[in-house]
Amino acid sequence: MDISGRITLGEGSSDLRERMRELVALGHRKILLNLDGVTFVDSSGIGELVSGYVSVANLKGKVRLAGLSRRVRDLFLVTKLYDVLEIHETEEQALRAFG
């Protein structure tokens, strides 16, 4: 799933939540979030990313993130989420990691 713009309190994070729920409801258990077009993530956006990650993991699924901008990558490093979430440089690397 390609994501662009801002993942912030309100519409940005609620759109992400709904799209993740739709994929899970359709039976998808391997989800790739391409964040290449994301310019900003606030605490609400981080919460939605983590919530989606945990929801899919609880169903024995996997979520991979790819294409983080420097700003988003730095945020994930500061919050220590870079070590928790499965993050890849490119979409191709993330797809290969699914196996």
C-alpha atoms as a PDB file:
ATOM      1  CA  MET A   1       0.000   0.000   0.000  1.00  0.00           C
ATOM      2  CA  ASP A   2       1.462   3.351  -1.027  1.00  0.00           C
ATOM      3  CA  ILE A   3       1.031   6.113   1.529  1.00  0.00           C
ATOM      4  CA  SER A   4       1.685   9.783   0.901  1.00  0.00           C
ATOM      5  CA  GLY A   5       1.263  13.121   2.610  1.00  0.00           C
ATOM      6  CA  ARG A   6       1.089  13.497   6.356  1.00  0.00           C
ATOM      7  CA  ILE A   7       0.112  10.827   8.878  1.00  0.00           C
ATOM      8  CA  THR A   8      -1.249  13.041  11.622  1.00  0.00           C
ATOM      9  CA  LEU A   9      -4.089  13.340  14.091  1.00  0.00           C
ATOM     10  CA  GLY A  10      -7.345  13.360  12.178  1.00  0.00           C
ATOM     11  CA  GLU A  11      -7.799  12.361   8.610  1.00  0.00           C
ATOM     12  CA  GLY A  12      -4.267  11.112   7.881  1.00  0.00           C
ATOM     13  CA  SER A  13      -4.154   8.575  10.678  1.00  0.00           C
ATOM     14  CA  SER A  14      -7.810   7.556  10.340  1.00  0.00           C
ATOM     15  CA  ASP A  15      -7.311   6.866   6.604  1.00  0.00           C
ATOM     16  CA  LEU A  16      -4.367   4.620   7.435  1.00  0.00           C
ATOM     17  CA  ARG A  17      -6.387   2.813  10.115  1.00  0.00           C
ATOM     18  CA  GLU A  18      -9.294   2.187   7.744  1.00  0.00           C
ATOM     19  CA  ARG A  19      -7.083   0.975   4.901  1.00  0.00           C
ATOM     20  CA  MET A  20      -5.251  -1.430   7.228  1.00  0.00           C
ATOM     21  CA  ARG A  21      -8.575  -2.768   8.579  1.00  0.00           C
ATOM     22  CA  GLU A  22      -9.857  -3.299   5.045  1.00  0.00           C
ATOM     23  CA  LEU A  23      -6.767  -5.288   4.057  1.00  0.00           C
ATOM     24  CA  VAL A  24      -6.990  -7.456   7.178  1.00  0.00           C
ATOM     25  CA  ALA A  25     -10.743  -8.004   6.645  1.00  0.00           C
ATOM     26  CA  LEU A  26      -9.981  -9.178   3.106  1.00  0.00           C
ATOM     27  CA  GLY A  27      -7.595 -11.773   4.545  1.00  0.00           C
ATOM     28  CA  HIS A  28      -4.288 -10.094   3.742  1.00  0.00           C
ATOM     29  CA  ARG A  29      -1.609 -11.152   6.212  1.00  0.00           C
ATOM     30  CA  LYS A  30       1.433  -9.735   4.419  1.00  0.00           C
ATOM     31  CA  ILE A  31       1.206  -5.960   4.178  1.00  0.00           C
ATOM     32  CA  LEU A  32       3.825  -3.630   2.749  1.00  0.00           C
ATOM     33  CA  LEU A  33       3.497   0.042   3.618  1.00  0.00           C
ATOM     34  CA  ASN A  34       5.490   2.152   1.170  1.00  0.00           C
ATOM     35  CA  LEU A  35       6.042   5.445   2.996  1.00  0.00           C
ATOM     36  CA  ASP A  36       8.051   7.025   0.193  1.00  0.00           C
ATOM     37  CA  GLY A  37       5.534   9.856  -0.180  1.00  0.00           C
ATOM     38  CA  VAL A  38       5.095  10.545   3.552  1.00  0.00           C
ATOM     39  CA  THR A  39       6.399  13.957   4.546  1.00  0.00           C
ATOM     40  CA  PHE A  40       5.500  14.025   8.239  1.00  0.00           C
ATOM     41  CA  VAL A  41       4.328  11.677  11.002  1.00  0.00           C
ATOM     42  CA  ASP A  42       3.081  12.880  14.394  1.00  0.00           C
ATOM     43  CA  SER A  43       2.471  10.843  17.561  1.00  0.00           C
ATOM     44  CA  SER A  44      -1.021   9.896  16.388  1.00  0.00           C
ATOM     45  CA  GLY A  45       0.425   8.617  13.131  1.00  0.00           C
ATOM     46  CA  ILE A  46       3.035   6.595  14.989  1.00  0.00           C
ATOM     47  CA  GLY A  47       0.255   5.150  17.115  1.00  0.00           C
ATOM     48  CA  GLU A  48      -1.679   4.066  14.037  1.00  0.00           C
ATOM     49  CA  LEU A  49       1.393   2.470  12.460  1.00  0.00           C
ATOM     50  CA  VAL A  50       2.165   0.544  15.647  1.00  0.00           C
ATOM     51  CA  SER A  51      -1.489  -0.413  16.148  1.00  0.00           C
ATOM     52  CA  GLY A  52      -1.741  -1.750  12.606  1.00  0.00           C
ATOM     53  CA  TYR A  53       1.538  -3.611  13.001  1.00  0.00           C
ATOM     54  CA  VAL A  54       0.358  -5.254  16.239  1.00  0.00           C
ATOM     55  CA  SER A  55      -3.084  -6.101  14.836  1.00  0.00           C
ATOM     56  CA  VAL A  56      -1.584  -7.906  11.855  1.00  0.00           C
ATOM     57  CA  ALA A  57       1.065  -9.617  14.016  1.00  0.00           C
ATOM     58  CA  ASN A  58      -1.677 -10.916  16.328  1.00  0.00           C
ATOM     59  CA  LEU A  59      -3.177 -12.643  13.292  1.00  0.00           C
ATOM     60  CA  LYS A  60       0.197 -14.246  12.515  1.00  0.00           C
ATOM     61  CA  GLY A  61       0.767 -11.757   9.720  1.00  0.00           C
ATOM     62  CA  LYS A  62       3.631  -9.441   8.842  1.00  0.00           C
ATOM     63  CA  VAL A  63       3.862  -5.730   8.144  1.00  0.00           C
ATOM     64  CA  ARG A  64       6.909  -4.264   6.449  1.00  0.00           C
ATOM     65  CA  LEU A  65       7.680  -0.584   5.942  1.00  0.00           C
ATOM     66  CA  ALA A  66       9.772   0.792   3.107  1.00  0.00           C
ATOM     67  CA  GLY A  67      10.862   4.064   1.567  1.00  0.00           C
ATOM     68  CA  LEU A  68      11.117   6.181   4.695  1.00  0.00           C
ATOM     69  CA  SER A  69      12.253   9.751   4.183  1.00  0.00           C
ATOM     70  CA  ARG A  70      15.181  10.959   6.267  1.00  0.00           C
ATOM     71  CA  ARG A  71      12.810  12.893   8.534  1.00  0.00           C
ATOM     72  CA  VAL A  72      10.554   9.874   9.163  1.00  0.00           C
ATOM     73  CA  ARG A  73      13.544   7.550   9.577  1.00  0.00           C
ATOM     74  CA  ASP A  74      15.045   9.919  12.183  1.00  0.00           C
ATOM     75  CA  LEU A  75      11.730   9.967  14.048  1.00  0.00           C
ATOM     76  CA  PHE A  76      11.669   6.163  14.125  1.00  0.00           C
ATOM     77  CA  LEU A  77      15.264   6.108  15.355  1.00  0.00           C
ATOM     78  CA  VAL A  78      14.553   8.589  18.176  1.00  0.00           C
ATOM     79  CA  THR A  79      11.445   6.680  19.279  1.00  0.00           C
ATOM     80  CA  LYS A  80      13.318   3.346  19.052  1.00  0.00           C
ATOM     81  CA  LEU A  81      10.686   2.034  16.633  1.00  0.00           C
ATOM     82  CA  TYR A  82      13.347   1.491  14.002  1.00  0.00           C
ATOM     83  CA  ASP A  83      14.442  -1.574  15.986  1.00  0.00           C
ATOM     84  CA  VAL A  84      10.882  -2.826  16.565  1.00  0.00           C
ATOM     85  CA  LEU A  85       9.185  -2.379  13.191  1.00  0.00           C
ATOM     86  CA  GLU A  86      10.447  -4.210  10.123  1.00  0.00           C
ATOM     87  CA  ILE A  87      11.850  -1.402   7.990  1.00  0.00           C
ATOM     88  CA  HIS A  88      13.560  -1.726   4.609  1.00  0.00           C
ATOM     89  CA  GLU A  89      15.251   0.784   2.354  1.00  0.00           C
ATOM     90  CA  THR A  90      13.261  -0.109  -0.757  1.00  0.00           C
ATOM     91  CA  GLU A  91       9.961  -1.710  -1.639  1.00  0.00           C
ATOM     92  CA  GLU A  92      11.803  -4.505  -3.466  1.00  0.00           C
ATOM     93  CA  GLN A  93      13.837  -5.381  -0.346  1.00  0.00           C
ATOM     94  CA  ALA A  94      10.668  -5.451   1.744  1.00  0.00           C
ATOM     95  CA  LEU A  95       8.933  -7.751  -0.740  1.00  0.00           C
ATOM     96  CA  ARG A  96      11.905 -10.130  -0.757  1.00  0.00           C
ATOM     97  CA  ALA A  97      11.855 -10.199   3.053  1.00  0.00           C
ATOM     98  CA  PHE A  98       8.349 -11.673   2.975  1.00  0.00           C
ATOM     99  CA  GLY A  99       9.905 -14.752   1.412  1.00  0.00           C
END
